[in-house]
Amino acid sequence: MESLLSHSFDHLSSNDPGKIRKGLKQLEGLLAQICLSRSGSDAISTADKRRSIATSRAQDLAPKELVHLKDDAAFREFFKLQEGFQWNVVLRLIGCLEKLLGRSSNGQNDLLIVSTLDLLHGVLLIHPPSRSLFSREIYMNLLLDLLDPTLCPAIHSSTLLCLVSALISSPTNVRLFEALDGLLCVTSLSKSRSATREVKMKSVEFLYFYLMPETPDQVKCMNGSARTAWGSSAGWATSSSREVEATKAIEEKQDLLGRYLSNVQDLVEDLRESMPFGAAF
C-alpha cells in the first residue's frame, strides 16, 4: 500500500495535468478497492483482472457496510498510515488543490479540481481525524476560495460537499468557518445570479446542515460512535473534549446566519418538519 501511495503522491506533485490525473485515479482505485466489494460472486474473471479497479463498471461494485469495513485488514492498514504525515492523503490532496487553484481556469484544470475535491470529500469521511487539518485557517480558507463565484458550478457543488465532510462532528472547524466569513461565502453564492439551480440547492442543503444542533451530548455520542467504528486513534480523547467545548446553541447559529439571510426561521421550521437528517430537533 505504501508503494501505491508513493506513486500516486509523486504524480500529484507533478505540474503535468496528465500525471496529476493519473495520481488521482490511483488514489481512487485504492479507495475503491478498500471501500467497495464485488456484488454477486467473489470470483473475478480474467477480463476483470486486466481492468484497473478504478475503471471497473460501477454496477459491478457495491459499498462495504461500515460495520464490516472497520474489520477489513486493508482498511485498517490504510487508516493507520493516515495517522502519519508521510502517508496522509488529505494533506496531499490539499497541496494538489493549492497548486490547481493557482492556475488559470480552463476545462481541464476545472475537472482536476472537481476530481480532487471529490476524493477529499471521501477521505474525510473514512478518516475522521484528518478533519482536524481544517481547524487551520490556511486550509479552511482554501475551501472558501473555491466558492468564488467566478469558478465553475461543478467546483462549487463539490466544494460544498467537501465542506460538510470537513465540518461534520467538528464544532471547532465550524467556529473557524464562521470566523472566516464562511456563511457570507455560502449565502453570497446562493444569491448570485450566475449560480445554477444545482448550486443553489447545494447551498441550501449546506445551510440545513449548518443549522443542525451541536449539543455536547450529541458531539460526545458521534465521537464515541466514530471511535467504535474506526478504532482507537491518537488524540481522540483530547479532540472530543475540545469539540464539546466549542459547541454553539442553534439560536446562536440562527443569529449569525440571520446577518446574511432573511428567511432563517423558515429554514429552521422546514428542518423541523422534513427532518432531512433525522429527528435531531
C-alpha atoms as a PDB file:
ATOM      1  CA  MET A   1       0.000   0.000   0.000  1.00  0.00           C
ATOM      2  CA  GLU A   2       2.892   2.363   0.770  1.00  0.00           C
ATOM      3  CA  SER A   3       4.238   1.806  -2.740  1.00  0.00           C
ATOM      4  CA  LEU A   4       0.916   2.689  -4.366  1.00  0.00           C
ATOM      5  CA  LEU A   5       0.542   5.786  -2.200  1.00  0.00           C
ATOM      6  CA  SER A   6       4.097   6.824  -3.008  1.00  0.00           C
ATOM      7  CA  HIS A   7       3.497   6.562  -6.770  1.00  0.00           C
ATOM      8  CA  SER A   8       0.219   8.469  -6.559  1.00  0.00           C
ATOM      9  CA  PHE A   9       1.788  11.212  -4.416  1.00  0.00           C
ATOM     10  CA  ASP A  10       4.617  11.590  -6.941  1.00  0.00           C
ATOM     11  CA  HIS A  11       2.077  12.089  -9.706  1.00  0.00           C
ATOM     12  CA  LEU A  12       0.055  14.586  -7.646  1.00  0.00           C
ATOM     13  CA  SER A  13       3.174  16.689  -7.076  1.00  0.00           C
ATOM     14  CA  SER A  14       3.802  16.949 -10.832  1.00  0.00           C
ATOM     15  CA  ASN A  15       2.927  20.024 -12.899  1.00  0.00           C
ATOM     16  CA  ASP A  16       1.775  17.806 -15.755  1.00  0.00           C
ATOM     17  CA  PRO A  17      -2.068  17.598 -15.817  1.00  0.00           C
ATOM     18  CA  GLY A  18      -1.857  14.072 -17.210  1.00  0.00           C
ATOM     19  CA  LYS A  19       0.275  12.877 -14.306  1.00  0.00           C
ATOM     20  CA  ILE A  20      -1.970  14.618 -11.776  1.00  0.00           C
ATOM     21  CA  ARG A  21      -4.962  12.857 -13.304  1.00  0.00           C
ATOM     22  CA  LYS A  22      -3.116   9.552 -13.074  1.00  0.00           C
ATOM     23  CA  GLY A  23      -2.314  10.156  -9.412  1.00  0.00           C
ATOM     24  CA  LEU A  24      -5.958  10.909  -8.651  1.00  0.00           C
ATOM     25  CA  LYS A  25      -7.024   7.744 -10.471  1.00  0.00           C
ATOM     26  CA  GLN A  26      -4.552   5.679  -8.483  1.00  0.00           C
ATOM     27  CA  LEU A  27      -5.946   7.019  -5.206  1.00  0.00           C
ATOM     28  CA  GLU A  28      -9.491   6.472  -6.447  1.00  0.00           C
ATOM     29  CA  GLY A  29      -8.607   2.893  -7.302  1.00  0.00           C
ATOM     30  CA  LEU A  30      -7.078   2.272  -3.888  1.00  0.00           C
ATOM     31  CA  LEU A  31     -10.109   3.665  -2.062  1.00  0.00           C
ATOM     32  CA  ALA A  32     -12.473   1.696  -4.285  1.00  0.00           C
ATOM     33  CA  GLN A  33     -10.567  -1.488  -3.552  1.00  0.00           C
ATOM     34  CA  ILE A  34     -10.820  -0.803   0.183  1.00  0.00           C
ATOM     35  CA  CYS A  35     -14.377   0.503   0.428  1.00  0.00           C
ATOM     36  CA  LEU A  36     -16.149  -1.434  -2.324  1.00  0.00           C
ATOM     37  CA  SER A  37     -16.723  -5.124  -2.868  1.00  0.00           C
ATOM     38  CA  ARG A  38     -17.846  -7.007  -5.935  1.00  0.00           C
ATOM     39  CA  SER A  39     -21.533  -7.748  -5.938  1.00  0.00           C
ATOM     40  CA  GLY A  40     -22.755 -11.268  -6.545  1.00  0.00           C
ATOM     41  CA  SER A  41     -19.792 -13.619  -6.664  1.00  0.00           C
ATOM     42  CA  ASP A  42     -16.343 -13.148  -5.224  1.00  0.00           C
ATOM     43  CA  ALA A  43     -14.909 -14.690  -8.353  1.00  0.00           C
ATOM     44  CA  ILE A  44     -13.099 -12.264 -10.652  1.00  0.00           C
ATOM     45  CA  SER A  45     -12.949 -13.027 -14.352  1.00  0.00           C
ATOM     46  CA  THR A  46      -9.781 -12.772 -16.413  1.00  0.00           C
ATOM     47  CA  ALA A  47     -11.171  -9.683 -18.101  1.00  0.00           C
ATOM     48  CA  ASP A  48     -11.815  -8.111 -14.701  1.00  0.00           C
ATOM     49  CA  LYS A  49      -8.255  -8.840 -13.624  1.00  0.00           C
ATOM     50  CA  ARG A  50      -6.966  -6.935 -16.623  1.00  0.00           C
ATOM     51  CA  ARG A  51      -9.111  -3.968 -15.728  1.00  0.00           C
ATOM     52  CA  SER A  52      -8.000  -1.395 -13.176  1.00  0.00           C
ATOM     53  CA  ILE A  53     -10.276  -1.271 -10.145  1.00  0.00           C
ATOM     54  CA  ALA A  54     -10.571   2.471 -10.723  1.00  0.00           C
ATOM     55  CA  THR A  55     -12.134   1.923 -14.137  1.00  0.00           C
ATOM     56  CA  SER A  56     -14.340  -1.014 -13.248  1.00  0.00           C
ATOM     57  CA  ARG A  57     -18.004  -0.596 -14.055  1.00  0.00           C
ATOM     58  CA  ALA A  58     -19.931   0.925 -11.152  1.00  0.00           C
ATOM     59  CA  GLN A  59     -22.615  -1.764 -11.359  1.00  0.00           C
ATOM     60  CA  ASP A  60     -20.013  -4.442 -10.574  1.00  0.00           C
ATOM     61  CA  LEU A  61     -19.202  -2.837  -7.226  1.00  0.00           C
ATOM     62  CA  ALA A  62     -21.159  -2.292  -4.026  1.00  0.00           C
ATOM     63  CA  PRO A  63     -20.216  -0.381  -0.860  1.00  0.00           C
ATOM     64  CA  LYS A  64     -18.995  -2.439   2.063  1.00  0.00           C
ATOM     65  CA  GLU A  65     -21.022  -1.987   5.217  1.00  0.00           C
ATOM     66  CA  LEU A  66     -19.361   0.242   7.817  1.00  0.00           C
ATOM     67  CA  VAL A  67     -19.628  -2.457  10.476  1.00  0.00           C
ATOM     68  CA  HIS A  68     -17.557  -4.740   8.250  1.00  0.00           C
ATOM     69  CA  LEU A  69     -15.220  -2.068   6.900  1.00  0.00           C
ATOM     70  CA  LYS A  70     -13.617  -1.463  10.294  1.00  0.00           C
ATOM     71  CA  ASP A  71     -12.594  -5.128  10.444  1.00  0.00           C
ATOM     72  CA  ASP A  72     -11.115  -5.148   6.953  1.00  0.00           C
ATOM     73  CA  ALA A  73      -7.332  -5.612   7.088  1.00  0.00           C
ATOM     74  CA  ALA A  74      -6.679  -3.344   4.089  1.00  0.00           C
ATOM     75  CA  PHE A  75      -8.820  -0.573   5.544  1.00  0.00           C
ATOM     76  CA  ARG A  76      -7.147  -0.790   8.932  1.00  0.00           C
ATOM     77  CA  GLU A  77      -3.735  -0.593   7.260  1.00  0.00           C
ATOM     78  CA  PHE A  78      -4.852   2.458   5.280  1.00  0.00           C
ATOM     79  CA  PHE A  79      -6.303   4.078   8.403  1.00  0.00           C
ATOM     80  CA  LYS A  80      -3.079   3.502  10.353  1.00  0.00           C
ATOM     81  CA  LEU A  81      -0.992   5.016   7.564  1.00  0.00           C
ATOM     82  CA  GLN A  82      -3.147   8.163   7.618  1.00  0.00           C
ATOM     83  CA  GLU A  83      -2.038   8.895  11.177  1.00  0.00           C
ATOM     84  CA  GLY A  84       1.435   9.866   9.940  1.00  0.00           C
ATOM     85  CA  PHE A  85       2.452  12.936   7.943  1.00  0.00           C
ATOM     86  CA  GLN A  86       4.239  10.926   5.254  1.00  0.00           C
ATOM     87  CA  TRP A  87       1.216   8.956   4.044  1.00  0.00           C
ATOM     88  CA  ASN A  88      -1.697  11.282   4.854  1.00  0.00           C
ATOM     89  CA  VAL A  89      -3.831  11.528   1.712  1.00  0.00           C
ATOM     90  CA  VAL A  90      -5.761  14.632   2.807  1.00  0.00           C
ATOM     91  CA  LEU A  91      -2.540  16.647   3.071  1.00  0.00           C
ATOM     92  CA  ARG A  92      -1.512  15.608  -0.448  1.00  0.00           C
ATOM     93  CA  LEU A  93      -4.925  16.446  -1.883  1.00  0.00           C
ATOM     94  CA  ILE A  94      -4.861  19.848  -0.190  1.00  0.00           C
ATOM     95  CA  GLY A  95      -1.458  20.510  -1.740  1.00  0.00           C
ATOM     96  CA  CYS A  96      -2.802  19.481  -5.127  1.00  0.00           C
ATOM     97  CA  LEU A  97      -5.773  21.838  -4.743  1.00  0.00           C
ATOM     98  CA  GLU A  98      -3.497  24.744  -3.845  1.00  0.00           C
ATOM     99  CA  LYS A  99      -1.469  24.144  -6.996  1.00  0.00           C
ATOM    100  CA  LEU A 100      -4.520  23.771  -9.263  1.00  0.00           C
ATOM    101  CA  LEU A 101      -6.237  26.837  -7.835  1.00  0.00           C
ATOM    102  CA  GLY A 102      -3.167  28.910  -8.679  1.00  0.00           C
ATOM    103  CA  ARG A 103      -3.537  28.101 -12.375  1.00  0.00           C
ATOM    104  CA  SER A 104      -5.693  29.853 -14.935  1.00  0.00           C
ATOM    105  CA  SER A 105      -9.217  28.473 -15.160  1.00  0.00           C
ATOM    106  CA  ASN A 106      -9.897  26.097 -18.055  1.00  0.00           C
ATOM    107  CA  GLY A 107     -11.950  22.972 -18.620  1.00  0.00           C
ATOM    108  CA  GLN A 108      -9.108  20.541 -17.978  1.00  0.00           C
ATOM    109  CA  ASN A 109      -7.970  22.258 -14.781  1.00  0.00           C
ATOM    110  CA  ASP A 110     -11.553  22.563 -13.514  1.00  0.00           C
ATOM    111  CA  LEU A 111     -12.089  18.819 -13.965  1.00  0.00           C
ATOM    112  CA  LEU A 112      -8.934  18.101 -11.975  1.00  0.00           C
ATOM    113  CA  ILE A 113     -10.133  20.381  -9.151  1.00  0.00           C
ATOM    114  CA  VAL A 114     -13.516  18.617  -9.056  1.00  0.00           C
ATOM    115  CA  SER A 115     -11.867  15.177  -9.000  1.00  0.00           C
ATOM    116  CA  THR A 116      -9.545  16.276  -6.192  1.00  0.00           C
ATOM    117  CA  LEU A 117     -12.453  17.678  -4.159  1.00  0.00           C
ATOM    118  CA  ASP A 118     -14.486  14.506  -4.634  1.00  0.00           C
ATOM    119  CA  LEU A 119     -11.596  12.381  -3.343  1.00  0.00           C
ATOM    120  CA  LEU A 120     -11.024  14.777  -0.443  1.00  0.00           C
ATOM    121  CA  HIS A 121     -14.708  14.534   0.472  1.00  0.00           C
ATOM    122  CA  GLY A 122     -14.483  10.744   0.586  1.00  0.00           C
ATOM    123  CA  VAL A 123     -11.244  10.503   2.553  1.00  0.00           C
ATOM    124  CA  LEU A 124     -12.508  12.941   5.202  1.00  0.00           C
ATOM    125  CA  LEU A 125     -15.493  10.657   5.724  1.00  0.00           C
ATOM    126  CA  ILE A 126     -13.492   7.455   6.140  1.00  0.00           C
ATOM    127  CA  HIS A 127     -10.689   9.041   8.177  1.00  0.00           C
ATOM    128  CA  PRO A 128     -12.350  11.498  10.616  1.00  0.00           C
ATOM    129  CA  PRO A 129      -9.079  12.511  12.386  1.00  0.00           C
ATOM    130  CA  SER A 130      -7.925  14.200   9.154  1.00  0.00           C
ATOM    131  CA  ARG A 131     -10.714  16.747   9.608  1.00  0.00           C
ATOM    132  CA  SER A 132      -8.525  18.382  12.257  1.00  0.00           C
ATOM    133  CA  LEU A 133      -6.425  19.809   9.412  1.00  0.00           C
ATOM    134  CA  PHE A 134      -9.319  22.152   8.660  1.00  0.00           C
ATOM    135  CA  SER A 135      -9.008  23.735  12.085  1.00  0.00           C
ATOM    136  CA  ARG A 136      -6.142  25.654  10.453  1.00  0.00           C
ATOM    137  CA  GLU A 137      -7.012  28.913   8.688  1.00  0.00           C
ATOM    138  CA  ILE A 138      -4.859  28.228   5.642  1.00  0.00           C
ATOM    139  CA  TYR A 139      -6.750  25.046   4.785  1.00  0.00           C
ATOM    140  CA  MET A 140     -10.237  26.327   5.602  1.00  0.00           C
ATOM    141  CA  ASN A 141      -9.558  29.412   3.503  1.00  0.00           C
ATOM    142  CA  LEU A 142      -8.623  27.153   0.606  1.00  0.00           C
ATOM    143  CA  LEU A 143     -12.125  25.648   0.569  1.00  0.00           C
ATOM    144  CA  LEU A 144     -13.731  29.075   0.902  1.00  0.00           C
ATOM    145  CA  ASP A 145     -11.652  30.346  -2.039  1.00  0.00           C
ATOM    146  CA  LEU A 146     -13.189  27.576  -4.129  1.00  0.00           C
ATOM    147  CA  LEU A 147     -16.627  29.162  -3.576  1.00  0.00           C
ATOM    148  CA  ASP A 148     -15.559  32.188  -5.620  1.00  0.00           C
ATOM    149  CA  PRO A 149     -18.498  32.976  -7.966  1.00  0.00           C
ATOM    150  CA  THR A 150     -16.128  33.211 -10.947  1.00  0.00           C
ATOM    151  CA  LEU A 151     -15.316  29.496 -10.721  1.00  0.00           C
ATOM    152  CA  CYS A 152     -17.403  26.855 -12.476  1.00  0.00           C
ATOM    153  CA  PRO A 153     -20.616  25.452 -10.888  1.00  0.00           C
ATOM    154  CA  ALA A 154     -19.205  21.923 -10.684  1.00  0.00           C
ATOM    155  CA  ILE A 155     -16.416  23.199  -8.425  1.00  0.00           C
ATOM    156  CA  HIS A 156     -18.961  24.994  -6.212  1.00  0.00           C
ATOM    157  CA  SER A 157     -21.083  21.850  -5.793  1.00  0.00           C
ATOM    158  CA  SER A 158     -18.088  19.649  -4.951  1.00  0.00           C
ATOM    159  CA  THR A 159     -16.703  22.244  -2.544  1.00  0.00           C
ATOM    160  CA  LEU A 160     -19.975  22.469  -0.610  1.00  0.00           C
ATOM    161  CA  LEU A 161     -19.987  18.679  -0.182  1.00  0.00           C
ATOM    162  CA  CYS A 162     -16.351  18.752   0.884  1.00  0.00           C
ATOM    163  CA  LEU A 163     -17.128  21.459   3.437  1.00  0.00           C
ATOM    164  CA  VAL A 164     -19.779  19.244   5.002  1.00  0.00           C
ATOM    165  CA  SER A 165     -17.297  16.394   5.426  1.00  0.00           C
ATOM    166  CA  ALA A 166     -14.740  18.828   6.890  1.00  0.00           C
ATOM    167  CA  LEU A 167     -17.220  20.275   9.420  1.00  0.00           C
ATOM    168  CA  ILE A 168     -19.349  17.282  10.424  1.00  0.00           C
ATOM    169  CA  SER A 169     -18.978  16.402  14.130  1.00  0.00           C
ATOM    170  CA  SER A 170     -16.282  19.110  14.340  1.00  0.00           C
ATOM    171  CA  PRO A 171     -17.618  22.223  16.130  1.00  0.00           C
ATOM    172  CA  THR A 172     -14.053  23.604  16.288  1.00  0.00           C
ATOM    173  CA  ASN A 173     -13.928  23.623  12.493  1.00  0.00           C
ATOM    174  CA  VAL A 174     -17.410  25.151  12.299  1.00  0.00           C
ATOM    175  CA  ARG A 175     -16.317  28.018  14.561  1.00  0.00           C
ATOM    176  CA  LEU A 176     -13.342  28.708  12.281  1.00  0.00           C
ATOM    177  CA  PHE A 177     -15.641  28.520   9.248  1.00  0.00           C
ATOM    178  CA  GLU A 178     -17.818  31.205  10.862  1.00  0.00           C
ATOM    179  CA  ALA A 179     -14.848  33.374  11.850  1.00  0.00           C
ATOM    180  CA  LEU A 180     -13.535  33.355   8.263  1.00  0.00           C
ATOM    181  CA  ASP A 181     -16.906  34.571   6.905  1.00  0.00           C
ATOM    182  CA  GLY A 182     -17.818  31.162   5.549  1.00  0.00           C
ATOM    183  CA  LEU A 183     -21.525  31.913   5.972  1.00  0.00           C
ATOM    184  CA  LEU A 184     -21.118  35.041   3.867  1.00  0.00           C
ATOM    185  CA  CYS A 185     -19.366  32.999   1.149  1.00  0.00           C
ATOM    186  CA  VAL A 186     -22.137  30.374   1.012  1.00  0.00           C
ATOM    187  CA  THR A 187     -25.074  32.792   1.166  1.00  0.00           C
ATOM    188  CA  SER A 188     -23.488  35.114  -1.412  1.00  0.00           C
ATOM    189  CA  LEU A 189     -23.031  32.143  -3.723  1.00  0.00           C
ATOM    190  CA  SER A 190     -26.657  31.081  -3.256  1.00  0.00           C
ATOM    191  CA  LYS A 191     -27.852  34.599  -4.121  1.00  0.00           C
ATOM    192  CA  SER A 192     -25.567  35.003  -7.124  1.00  0.00           C
ATOM    193  CA  ARG A 193     -27.384  35.454 -10.424  1.00  0.00           C
ATOM    194  CA  SER A 194     -24.796  33.280 -12.124  1.00  0.00           C
ATOM    195  CA  ALA A 195     -25.339  30.362  -9.707  1.00  0.00           C
ATOM    196  CA  THR A 196     -27.001  27.341 -11.280  1.00  0.00           C
ATOM    197  CA  ARG A 197     -30.066  25.677  -9.801  1.00  0.00           C
ATOM    198  CA  GLU A 198     -27.936  22.777  -8.546  1.00  0.00           C
ATOM    199  CA  VAL A 199     -25.517  25.131  -6.772  1.00  0.00           C
ATOM    200  CA  LYS A 200     -28.408  26.994  -5.159  1.00  0.00           C
ATOM    201  CA  MET A 201     -29.871  23.691  -3.940  1.00  0.00           C
ATOM    202  CA  LYS A 202     -26.497  22.519  -2.634  1.00  0.00           C
ATOM    203  CA  SER A 203     -26.113  25.851  -0.808  1.00  0.00           C
ATOM    204  CA  VAL A 204     -29.494  25.472   0.895  1.00  0.00           C
ATOM    205  CA  GLU A 205     -28.674  21.866   1.830  1.00  0.00           C
ATOM    206  CA  PHE A 206     -25.414  23.083   3.346  1.00  0.00           C
ATOM    207  CA  LEU A 207     -27.265  25.688   5.406  1.00  0.00           C
ATOM    208  CA  TYR A 208     -29.659  22.976   6.633  1.00  0.00           C
ATOM    209  CA  PHE A 209     -26.601  21.039   7.744  1.00  0.00           C
ATOM    210  CA  TYR A 210     -25.099  24.119   9.409  1.00  0.00           C
ATOM    211  CA  LEU A 211     -28.278  24.745  11.424  1.00  0.00           C
ATOM    212  CA  MET A 212     -28.273  21.268  12.936  1.00  0.00           C
ATOM    213  CA  PRO A 213     -27.920  21.227  16.758  1.00  0.00           C
ATOM    214  CA  GLU A 214     -24.462  20.911  18.310  1.00  0.00           C
ATOM    215  CA  THR A 215     -25.394  19.786  21.810  1.00  0.00           C
ATOM    216  CA  PRO A 216     -22.455  18.408  23.838  1.00  0.00           C
ATOM    217  CA  ASP A 217     -24.240  15.062  24.278  1.00  0.00           C
ATOM    218  CA  GLN A 218     -24.585  14.660  20.506  1.00  0.00           C
ATOM    219  CA  VAL A 219     -20.944  15.516  19.887  1.00  0.00           C
ATOM    220  CA  LYS A 220     -19.867  13.018  22.563  1.00  0.00           C
ATOM    221  CA  CYS A 221     -22.169  10.405  21.058  1.00  0.00           C
ATOM    222  CA  MET A 222     -20.936  10.971  17.493  1.00  0.00           C
ATOM    223  CA  ASN A 223     -17.277  10.966  18.521  1.00  0.00           C
ATOM    224  CA  GLY A 224     -17.900   7.847  20.592  1.00  0.00           C
ATOM    225  CA  SER A 225     -19.520   6.177  17.590  1.00  0.00           C
ATOM    226  CA  ALA A 226     -16.533   7.149  15.491  1.00  0.00           C
ATOM    227  CA  ARG A 227     -14.124   5.595  17.984  1.00  0.00           C
ATOM    228  CA  THR A 228     -16.198   2.413  17.980  1.00  0.00           C
ATOM    229  CA  ALA A 229     -16.399   2.297  14.197  1.00  0.00           C
ATOM    230  CA  TRP A 230     -12.820   3.239  13.397  1.00  0.00           C
ATOM    231  CA  GLY A 231     -10.946   2.005  16.428  1.00  0.00           C
ATOM    232  CA  SER A 232      -8.680   3.879  18.812  1.00  0.00           C
ATOM    233  CA  SER A 233      -6.697   6.751  17.403  1.00  0.00           C
ATOM    234  CA  ALA A 234      -4.165   9.074  18.995  1.00  0.00           C
ATOM    235  CA  GLY A 235      -5.732  12.357  20.031  1.00  0.00           C
ATOM    236  CA  TRP A 236      -9.370  11.190  20.036  1.00  0.00           C
ATOM    237  CA  ALA A 237      -9.904  11.936  23.741  1.00  0.00           C
ATOM    238  CA  THR A 238      -8.471  15.454  23.701  1.00  0.00           C
ATOM    239  CA  SER A 239     -10.166  16.159  20.383  1.00  0.00           C
ATOM    240  CA  SER A 240     -13.523  15.075  21.777  1.00  0.00           C
ATOM    241  CA  SER A 241     -13.190  17.389  24.796  1.00  0.00           C
ATOM    242  CA  ARG A 242     -12.167  20.301  22.608  1.00  0.00           C
ATOM    243  CA  GLU A 243     -15.105  19.737  20.270  1.00  0.00           C
ATOM    244  CA  VAL A 244     -17.604  19.636  23.139  1.00  0.00           C
ATOM    245  CA  GLU A 245     -16.281  22.957  24.458  1.00  0.00           C
ATOM    246  CA  ALA A 246     -16.652  24.538  21.004  1.00  0.00           C
ATOM    247  CA  THR A 247     -20.347  23.700  20.592  1.00  0.00           C
ATOM    248  CA  LYS A 248     -22.797  26.519  19.931  1.00  0.00           C
ATOM    249  CA  ALA A 249     -26.562  26.654  20.517  1.00  0.00           C
ATOM    250  CA  ILE A 250     -28.794  26.602  17.457  1.00  0.00           C
ATOM    251  CA  GLU A 251     -30.185  30.026  18.423  1.00  0.00           C
ATOM    252  CA  GLU A 252     -26.670  31.472  18.226  1.00  0.00           C
ATOM    253  CA  LYS A 253     -26.186  29.975  14.779  1.00  0.00           C
ATOM    254  CA  GLN A 254     -29.550  31.342  13.659  1.00  0.00           C
ATOM    255  CA  ASP A 255     -28.479  34.822  14.729  1.00  0.00           C
ATOM    256  CA  LEU A 256     -25.202  34.516  12.840  1.00  0.00           C
ATOM    257  CA  LEU A 257     -26.854  33.263   9.674  1.00  0.00           C
ATOM    258  CA  GLY A 258     -29.528  35.959  10.027  1.00  0.00           C
ATOM    259  CA  ARG A 259     -26.874  38.573   9.282  1.00  0.00           C
ATOM    260  CA  TYR A 260     -26.722  37.304   5.713  1.00  0.00           C
ATOM    261  CA  LEU A 261     -30.118  35.677   5.156  1.00  0.00           C
ATOM    262  CA  SER A 262     -33.591  36.979   5.925  1.00  0.00           C
ATOM    263  CA  ASN A 263     -35.510  33.687   5.951  1.00  0.00           C
ATOM    264  CA  VAL A 264     -33.516  31.752   8.556  1.00  0.00           C
ATOM    265  CA  GLN A 265     -36.602  30.966  10.633  1.00  0.00           C
ATOM    266  CA  ASP A 266     -38.248  29.442   7.558  1.00  0.00           C
ATOM    267  CA  LEU A 267     -35.229  27.153   7.129  1.00  0.00           C
ATOM    268  CA  VAL A 268     -35.443  26.075  10.763  1.00  0.00           C
ATOM    269  CA  GLU A 269     -39.162  25.342  10.515  1.00  0.00           C
ATOM    270  CA  ASP A 270     -38.591  23.379   7.330  1.00  0.00           C
ATOM    271  CA  LEU A 271     -35.881  21.378   9.086  1.00  0.00           C
ATOM    272  CA  ARG A 272     -38.228  20.544  11.939  1.00  0.00           C
ATOM    273  CA  GLU A 273     -40.976  19.444   9.577  1.00  0.00           C
ATOM    274  CA  SER A 274     -38.989  17.496   6.981  1.00  0.00           C
ATOM    275  CA  MET A 275     -36.177  16.206   9.249  1.00  0.00           C
ATOM    276  CA  PRO A 276     -33.786  15.514   6.320  1.00  0.00           C
ATOM    277  CA  PHE A 277     -31.064  14.389   8.746  1.00  0.00           C
ATOM    278  CA  GLY A 278     -33.293  12.516  11.155  1.00  0.00           C
ATOM    279  CA  ALA A 279     -35.070  13.595  14.323  1.00  0.00           C
ATOM    280  CA  ALA A 280     -32.376  15.887  15.710  1.00  0.00           C
ATOM    281  CA  PHE A 281     -34.598  18.794  16.801  1.00  0.00           C
END
